């Protein structure tokens, strides 16, 4: 039961991370009148017909920056430095592998030297 709840929570968290832009847009649409009246940077310039879009774009940019920063920090955690305090001792063994004769006969290569690349002959 606990594993199922954990799995559902992980799925929901992954979906919410991917749809942050959708949530910002839904919040903007639900509070459009309040944003246009109180939070808009261009509320003193009604001829621009901004209606809170400047605030919306700022929030979208902020959400994307947060997402990118989270990805960078998660990638940064994946890198680990490997440090060695003492040098590794290298040992060479004096016993070598014995050379075993192959049962197949050796390949005889042609002894005559021919040029590989020849110009085409015109007839």
Protein backbone atom coordinates (compact mmCIF):
# COMPACT_ATOMS: atom_id res chain seq x y z
CA UNK A 1 0.00 0.00 0.00
CA UNK A 2 2.81 2.39 0.89
CA UNK A 3 4.59 1.59 -2.38
CA UNK A 4 1.45 2.39 -4.36
CA UNK A 5 1.03 5.77 -2.62
CA UNK A 6 4.70 6.56 -3.19
CA UNK A 7 4.38 5.66 -6.87
CA UNK A 8 1.33 7.90 -7.27
CA UNK A 9 3.08 10.79 -5.54
CA UNK A 10 6.10 10.41 -7.81
CA UNK A 11 3.93 10.34 -10.92
CA UNK A 12 2.03 13.44 -9.80
CA UNK A 13 5.26 15.28 -9.00
CA UNK A 14 6.71 14.43 -12.43
CA UNK A 15 3.56 15.63 -14.17
CA UNK A 16 3.45 18.90 -12.22
CA UNK A 17 7.09 19.63 -13.06
CA UNK A 18 6.36 19.23 -16.77
CA UNK A 19 3.19 21.33 -16.67
CA UNK A 20 4.41 24.35 -14.67
CA UNK A 21 3.77 26.60 -17.65
CA UNK A 22 0.19 25.37 -17.82
CA UNK A 23 -0.32 26.09 -14.12
CA UNK A 24 1.07 29.62 -14.51
CA UNK A 25 -1.28 30.22 -17.44
CA UNK A 26 -4.28 28.84 -15.51
CA UNK A 27 -3.45 31.09 -12.55
CA UNK A 28 -3.20 34.07 -14.87
CA UNK A 29 -6.54 33.34 -16.52
CA UNK A 30 -8.30 32.85 -13.19
CA UNK A 31 -6.93 36.11 -11.72
CA UNK A 32 -6.76 38.22 -14.89
CA UNK A 33 -8.84 41.14 -13.55
CA UNK A 34 -6.87 41.37 -10.29
CA UNK A 35 -3.52 41.15 -12.11
CA UNK A 36 -4.54 43.83 -14.63
CA UNK A 37 -5.76 46.16 -11.87
CA UNK A 38 -3.10 45.66 -9.18
CA UNK A 39 0.03 43.87 -10.45
CA UNK A 40 0.42 45.01 -14.06
CA UNK A 41 3.44 47.21 -14.75
CA UNK A 42 1.57 49.10 -17.48
CA UNK A 43 -1.68 49.74 -15.54
CA UNK A 44 -1.03 53.49 -15.74
CA UNK A 45 -0.88 53.22 -19.58
CA UNK A 46 -4.29 51.86 -20.65
CA UNK A 47 -3.66 52.65 -24.32
CA UNK A 48 -1.10 49.80 -24.42
CA UNK A 49 -3.87 47.21 -23.76
CA UNK A 50 -1.45 45.10 -21.71
CA UNK A 51 -4.12 43.76 -19.33
CA UNK A 52 -1.51 41.93 -17.23
CA UNK A 53 0.33 40.20 -20.07
CA UNK A 54 3.60 41.77 -18.91
CA UNK A 55 3.12 40.18 -15.48
CA UNK A 56 2.21 36.86 -17.14
CA UNK A 57 5.35 36.88 -19.30
CA UNK A 58 7.48 37.71 -16.26
CA UNK A 59 6.02 34.74 -14.36
CA UNK A 60 6.55 32.40 -17.34
CA UNK A 61 10.20 33.48 -17.56
CA UNK A 62 10.60 33.01 -13.81
CA UNK A 63 9.11 29.48 -13.97
CA UNK A 64 11.42 28.51 -16.86
CA UNK A 65 14.45 29.90 -15.01
CA UNK A 66 13.52 27.92 -11.89
CA UNK A 67 13.12 24.78 -13.97
CA UNK A 68 16.50 25.30 -15.68
CA UNK A 69 18.19 26.00 -12.33
CA UNK A 70 16.70 22.81 -10.92
CA UNK A 71 17.98 20.79 -13.87
CA UNK A 72 21.44 22.31 -13.51
CA UNK A 73 21.56 21.55 -9.80
CA UNK A 74 20.40 17.97 -10.35
CA UNK A 75 23.08 17.48 -13.02
CA UNK A 76 25.65 19.05 -10.72
CA UNK A 77 24.82 16.48 -8.05
CA UNK A 78 25.49 13.65 -10.52
CA UNK A 79 29.15 14.60 -10.88
CA UNK A 80 31.40 13.29 -8.17
CA UNK A 81 35.07 13.86 -7.77
CA UNK A 82 37.22 10.80 -7.35
CA UNK A 83 40.13 11.52 -5.06
CA UNK A 84 42.85 9.11 -4.10
CA UNK A 85 44.98 9.77 -1.04
CA UNK A 86 47.68 7.21 -1.77
CA UNK A 87 49.14 6.30 -5.17
CA UNK A 88 48.20 2.88 -6.44
CA UNK A 89 50.95 0.28 -6.32
CA UNK A 90 51.53 -1.33 -9.72
CA UNK A 91 52.72 -4.92 -9.70
CA UNK A 92 54.23 -6.64 -12.70
CA UNK A 93 54.14 -10.42 -12.72
CA UNK A 94 57.18 -12.22 -14.06
CA UNK A 95 55.21 -15.22 -15.31
CA UNK A 96 53.97 -14.60 -18.84
CA UNK A 97 51.41 -16.52 -20.82
CA UNK A 98 52.85 -19.28 -22.93
CA UNK A 99 52.54 -18.95 -26.68
CA UNK A 100 50.46 -21.78 -28.02
CA UNK A 101 50.99 -22.94 -31.62
CA UNK A 102 47.80 -22.73 -33.63
CA UNK A 103 46.63 -25.95 -35.30
CA UNK A 104 45.75 -24.09 -38.52
CA UNK A 105 48.42 -23.74 -41.20
CA UNK A 106 49.82 -20.23 -41.64
CA UNK A 107 48.41 -18.05 -44.38
CA UNK A 108 50.73 -17.63 -47.36
CA UNK A 109 50.59 -14.08 -48.64
CA UNK A 110 51.44 -13.35 -52.28
CA UNK A 111 55.03 -12.30 -52.80
CA UNK A 112 54.47 -10.49 -56.09
CA UNK A 113 53.90 -6.75 -55.59
CA UNK A 114 51.18 -5.20 -57.73
CA UNK A 115 49.96 -1.65 -57.62
CA UNK A 116 46.56 -1.47 -55.99
CA UNK A 117 45.32 1.62 -57.75
CA UNK A 118 45.52 1.49 -61.54
CA UNK A 119 44.23 4.17 -63.89
CA UNK A 120 41.34 3.13 -66.14
CA UNK A 121 42.30 1.84 -69.57
CA UNK A 122 40.71 3.45 -72.60
CA UNK A 123 39.89 1.17 -75.48
